[in-house]
Amino acid sequence: MIDTDKYEEFENAMNEGRIERVHCLWALAEVKRLREQLAKANKYVHTICQHSDSMLMDYEDYMKGDD
C-alpha cells in the first residue's frame, strides 16, 4: 500500500516553515493521483475475481500485507 505518512511529514514541515508550500502541494497531489489509480486497479481486480472468492480473498490479503 501507499505510505501516506511521509506526505503528512511534508505537510508538517510546510507548516513549520521547513519546506516550501509548493513542494507540499505537489506531494499531496501525487498522493491523490496514486489513490485514484489504486482505486481503479482495485475495481478492475474485483471485476476479474468476482467469480472466485478464494482469488479475491488472496488479493485482499496481499493488499493488506498479510503473508
C-alpha atoms as a PDB file:
ATOM      1  CA  MET A   1       0.000   0.000   0.000  1.00  0.00           C
ATOM      2  CA  ILE A   2       0.946   3.619  -0.311  1.00  0.00           C
ATOM      3  CA  ASP A   3       2.754   5.046   2.687  1.00  0.00           C
ATOM      4  CA  THR A   4       0.975   8.350   3.271  1.00  0.00           C
ATOM      5  CA  ASP A   5       2.925   9.092   6.469  1.00  0.00           C
ATOM      6  CA  LYS A   6       5.741  10.713   4.521  1.00  0.00           C
ATOM      7  CA  TYR A   7       3.255  13.073   2.895  1.00  0.00           C
ATOM      8  CA  GLU A   8       1.888  14.022   6.297  1.00  0.00           C
ATOM      9  CA  GLU A   9       5.503  14.799   7.235  1.00  0.00           C
ATOM     10  CA  PHE A  10       5.641  17.140   4.214  1.00  0.00           C
ATOM     11  CA  GLU A  11       2.566  18.923   5.481  1.00  0.00           C
ATOM     12  CA  ASN A  12       4.007  19.252   8.985  1.00  0.00           C
ATOM     13  CA  ALA A  13       7.315  20.517   7.580  1.00  0.00           C
ATOM     14  CA  MET A  14       5.467  23.073   5.479  1.00  0.00           C
ATOM     15  CA  ASN A  15       3.507  24.298   8.491  1.00  0.00           C
ATOM     16  CA  GLU A  16       6.757  24.645  10.436  1.00  0.00           C
ATOM     17  CA  GLY A  17       8.358  26.544   7.550  1.00  0.00           C
ATOM     18  CA  ARG A  18      10.952  23.859   6.797  1.00  0.00           C
ATOM     19  CA  ILE A  19       9.869  23.378   3.176  1.00  0.00           C
ATOM     20  CA  GLU A  20       8.052  25.487   0.658  1.00  0.00           C
ATOM     21  CA  ARG A  21       4.327  25.181   0.211  1.00  0.00           C
ATOM     22  CA  VAL A  22       4.700  24.235  -3.456  1.00  0.00           C
ATOM     23  CA  HIS A  23       6.581  21.036  -2.557  1.00  0.00           C
ATOM     24  CA  CYS A  24       3.899  20.029  -0.095  1.00  0.00           C
ATOM     25  CA  LEU A  25       1.122  20.707  -2.593  1.00  0.00           C
ATOM     26  CA  TRP A  26       2.929  18.635  -5.203  1.00  0.00           C
ATOM     27  CA  ALA A  27       3.288  15.726  -2.759  1.00  0.00           C
ATOM     28  CA  LEU A  28      -0.371  15.879  -1.772  1.00  0.00           C
ATOM     29  CA  ALA A  29      -1.432  15.984  -5.429  1.00  0.00           C
ATOM     30  CA  GLU A  30       0.735  12.935  -6.075  1.00  0.00           C
ATOM     31  CA  VAL A  31      -0.929  11.056  -3.203  1.00  0.00           C
ATOM     32  CA  LYS A  32      -4.343  11.907  -4.648  1.00  0.00           C
ATOM     33  CA  ARG A  33      -3.287  10.685  -8.101  1.00  0.00           C
ATOM     34  CA  LEU A  34      -1.897   7.427  -6.699  1.00  0.00           C
ATOM     35  CA  ARG A  35      -5.025   6.802  -4.621  1.00  0.00           C
ATOM     36  CA  GLU A  36      -7.165   7.272  -7.744  1.00  0.00           C
ATOM     37  CA  GLN A  37      -5.006   4.796  -9.670  1.00  0.00           C
ATOM     38  CA  LEU A  38      -5.190   2.307  -6.810  1.00  0.00           C
ATOM     39  CA  ALA A  39      -8.984   2.624  -6.696  1.00  0.00           C
ATOM     40  CA  LYS A  40      -9.165   1.896 -10.440  1.00  0.00           C
ATOM     41  CA  ALA A  41      -6.855  -1.107 -10.039  1.00  0.00           C
ATOM     42  CA  ASN A  42      -8.913  -2.445  -7.139  1.00  0.00           C
ATOM     43  CA  LYS A  43     -12.116  -2.094  -9.151  1.00  0.00           C
ATOM     44  CA  TYR A  44     -10.505  -3.951 -12.056  1.00  0.00           C
ATOM     45  CA  VAL A  45      -9.268  -6.806  -9.849  1.00  0.00           C
ATOM     46  CA  HIS A  46     -12.657  -7.134  -8.163  1.00  0.00           C
ATOM     47  CA  THR A  47     -14.261  -7.406 -11.595  1.00  0.00           C
ATOM     48  CA  ILE A  48     -11.837 -10.146 -12.617  1.00  0.00           C
ATOM     49  CA  CYS A  49     -12.174 -12.039  -9.330  1.00  0.00           C
ATOM     50  CA  GLN A  50     -15.937 -11.744  -8.969  1.00  0.00           C
ATOM     51  CA  HIS A  51     -16.454 -15.455  -9.641  1.00  0.00           C
ATOM     52  CA  SER A  52     -13.647 -16.687  -7.403  1.00  0.00           C
ATOM     53  CA  ASP A  53     -13.978 -15.968  -3.694  1.00  0.00           C
ATOM     54  CA  SER A  54     -10.623 -17.561  -2.885  1.00  0.00           C
ATOM     55  CA  MET A  55      -8.836 -15.475  -5.511  1.00  0.00           C
ATOM     56  CA  LEU A  56     -10.456 -12.302  -4.177  1.00  0.00           C
ATOM     57  CA  MET A  57      -9.530 -13.206  -0.593  1.00  0.00           C
ATOM     58  CA  ASP A  58      -5.931 -13.859  -1.661  1.00  0.00           C
ATOM     59  CA  TYR A  59      -5.821 -10.466  -3.363  1.00  0.00           C
ATOM     60  CA  GLU A  60      -7.276  -8.656  -0.350  1.00  0.00           C
ATOM     61  CA  ASP A  61      -4.798 -10.405   1.976  1.00  0.00           C
ATOM     62  CA  TYR A  62      -1.968  -9.388  -0.341  1.00  0.00           C
ATOM     63  CA  MET A  63      -3.113  -5.762  -0.352  1.00  0.00           C
ATOM     64  CA  LYS A  64      -3.275  -5.729   3.459  1.00  0.00           C
ATOM     65  CA  GLY A  65       0.274  -7.050   3.580  1.00  0.00           C
ATOM     66  CA  ASP A  66      -0.669 -10.386   5.161  1.00  0.00           C
ATOM     67  CA  ASP A  67       1.869 -13.100   4.488  1.00  0.00           C
END
